[in-house]
Protein backbone atom coordinates (compact mmCIF):
# COMPACT_ATOMS: atom_id res chain seq x y z
CA UNK A 1 -74.33 -70.35 24.87
CA UNK A 2 -71.45 -68.70 23.20
CA UNK A 3 -67.83 -69.80 24.18
CA UNK A 4 -65.62 -66.94 25.55
CA UNK A 5 -62.26 -66.53 23.72
CA UNK A 6 -59.37 -67.81 25.72
CA UNK A 7 -57.63 -64.67 25.78
CA UNK A 8 -60.49 -62.79 27.23
CA UNK A 9 -60.98 -65.40 30.03
CA UNK A 10 -57.24 -65.35 30.77
CA UNK A 11 -57.35 -61.38 31.03
CA UNK A 12 -60.30 -61.62 33.43
CA UNK A 13 -58.64 -64.22 35.42
CA UNK A 14 -55.46 -62.19 35.81
CA UNK A 15 -57.37 -59.07 36.97
CA UNK A 16 -58.89 -61.22 39.86
CA UNK A 17 -55.61 -62.82 41.02
CA UNK A 18 -53.56 -61.17 43.88
CA UNK A 19 -50.50 -59.28 43.10
CA UNK A 20 -47.11 -60.94 44.14
CA UNK A 21 -46.38 -59.77 47.74
CA UNK A 22 -50.04 -59.08 48.71
CA UNK A 23 -50.91 -60.18 52.14
CA UNK A 24 -53.97 -61.59 53.80
CA UNK A 25 -54.87 -62.68 57.42
CA UNK A 26 -56.39 -66.20 58.10
CA UNK A 27 -57.43 -67.63 61.51
CA UNK A 28 -55.01 -70.10 63.06
CA UNK A 29 -56.28 -73.40 64.31
CA UNK A 30 -58.43 -76.42 62.87
CA UNK A 31 -61.43 -74.21 62.38
CA UNK A 32 -62.62 -73.28 58.85
CA UNK A 33 -62.13 -69.64 57.64
CA UNK A 34 -64.79 -67.42 58.93
CA UNK A 35 -65.63 -63.74 58.94
CA UNK A 36 -62.93 -61.38 60.40
CA UNK A 37 -65.30 -60.43 63.16
CA UNK A 38 -65.56 -63.98 64.47
CA UNK A 39 -63.24 -64.46 67.48
CA UNK A 40 -61.51 -61.14 67.34
CA UNK A 41 -59.01 -62.06 70.12
CA UNK A 42 -57.63 -65.30 68.41
CA UNK A 43 -54.17 -65.23 66.73
CA UNK A 44 -54.13 -64.84 62.91
CA UNK A 45 -51.62 -66.12 60.38
CA UNK A 46 -50.42 -63.74 57.84
CA UNK A 47 -50.04 -65.17 54.27
CA UNK A 48 -48.25 -63.72 51.32
CA UNK A 49 -48.92 -64.33 47.70
CA UNK A 50 -45.79 -65.31 45.98
CA UNK A 51 -47.37 -65.46 42.51
CA UNK A 52 -48.37 -69.18 42.70
CA UNK A 53 -49.67 -69.78 46.09
CA UNK A 54 -50.37 -68.26 49.56
CA UNK A 55 -47.18 -68.70 51.81
CA UNK A 56 -46.85 -68.18 55.53
CA UNK A 57 -45.34 -64.75 56.25
CA UNK A 58 -45.93 -64.20 60.01
CA UNK A 59 -48.32 -64.32 63.05
CA UNK A 60 -50.36 -61.53 64.53
CA UNK A 61 -51.68 -61.74 68.07
CA UNK A 62 -55.34 -60.67 67.22
CA UNK A 63 -57.62 -59.35 64.52
CA UNK A 64 -56.59 -55.67 64.95
CA UNK A 65 -52.78 -56.52 64.65
CA UNK A 66 -53.71 -58.62 61.46
CA UNK A 67 -55.58 -55.69 60.13
CA UNK A 68 -52.61 -53.37 60.59
CA UNK A 69 -50.31 -55.92 58.71
CA UNK A 70 -52.68 -56.21 55.72
CA UNK A 71 -54.60 -52.96 55.54
CA UNK A 72 -52.85 -51.73 52.33
CA UNK A 73 -53.79 -54.82 50.55
CA UNK A 74 -57.38 -54.89 51.47
CA UNK A 75 -58.26 -51.89 49.34
CA UNK A 76 -56.62 -53.47 46.25
CA UNK A 77 -58.38 -56.77 46.88
CA UNK A 78 -61.80 -54.97 47.15
CA UNK A 79 -61.22 -53.02 43.85
CA UNK A 80 -60.84 -56.46 42.03
CA UNK A 81 -64.12 -57.62 42.82
CA UNK A 82 -66.14 -57.75 39.55
CA UNK A 83 -69.52 -56.13 39.68
CA UNK A 84 -72.12 -56.86 37.03
CA UNK A 85 -72.64 -54.14 34.52
CA UNK A 86 -76.02 -52.30 34.57
CA UNK A 87 -78.38 -53.90 32.01
CA UNK A 88 -76.78 -57.14 32.19
CA UNK A 89 -78.95 -58.40 35.07
CA UNK A 90 -82.06 -60.38 34.42
CA UNK A 91 -85.45 -58.79 34.28
CA UNK A 92 -87.49 -59.14 37.42
CA UNK A 93 -90.05 -61.98 36.97
CA UNK A 94 -93.86 -61.10 37.19
CA UNK A 95 -95.55 -61.97 40.11
CA UNK A 96 -97.49 -65.14 40.31
CA UNK A 97 -101.19 -64.97 39.80
CA UNK A 98 -103.63 -67.93 39.69
CA UNK A 99 -105.03 -69.07 36.39
CA UNK A 100 -108.47 -69.59 37.36
CA UNK A 101 -110.72 -67.26 39.50
CA UNK A 102 -111.58 -68.75 42.76
CA UNK A 103 -114.65 -67.59 44.83
CA UNK A 104 -115.19 -68.28 48.50
CA UNK A 105 -118.62 -69.96 48.97
CA UNK A 106 -121.11 -68.14 51.06
CA UNK A 107 -121.24 -69.21 54.84
CA UNK A 108 -125.14 -68.87 54.96
């Protein structure tokens, strides 16, 4: 395996990082983060990226209000998702085939 130059790695990392001022919604409470569709009526915390960490920026009363607050940042976040280039995916493996032929004995 070849090592990637540090400059290329740092550039890829910066592309994936949020921009300062970007906002996201997270569920409030002791439960772990789940999909946005889970418990749509529970309050959401709005967090803002300050360049180093996510900091609290407000509270929305439900999923729809949180989506209104973070809508403009959602598209920017989706554009940063790296997709594998075509041709870089591994080839599909051949289907398994038995190495020896097996014949069912006659029932007579």
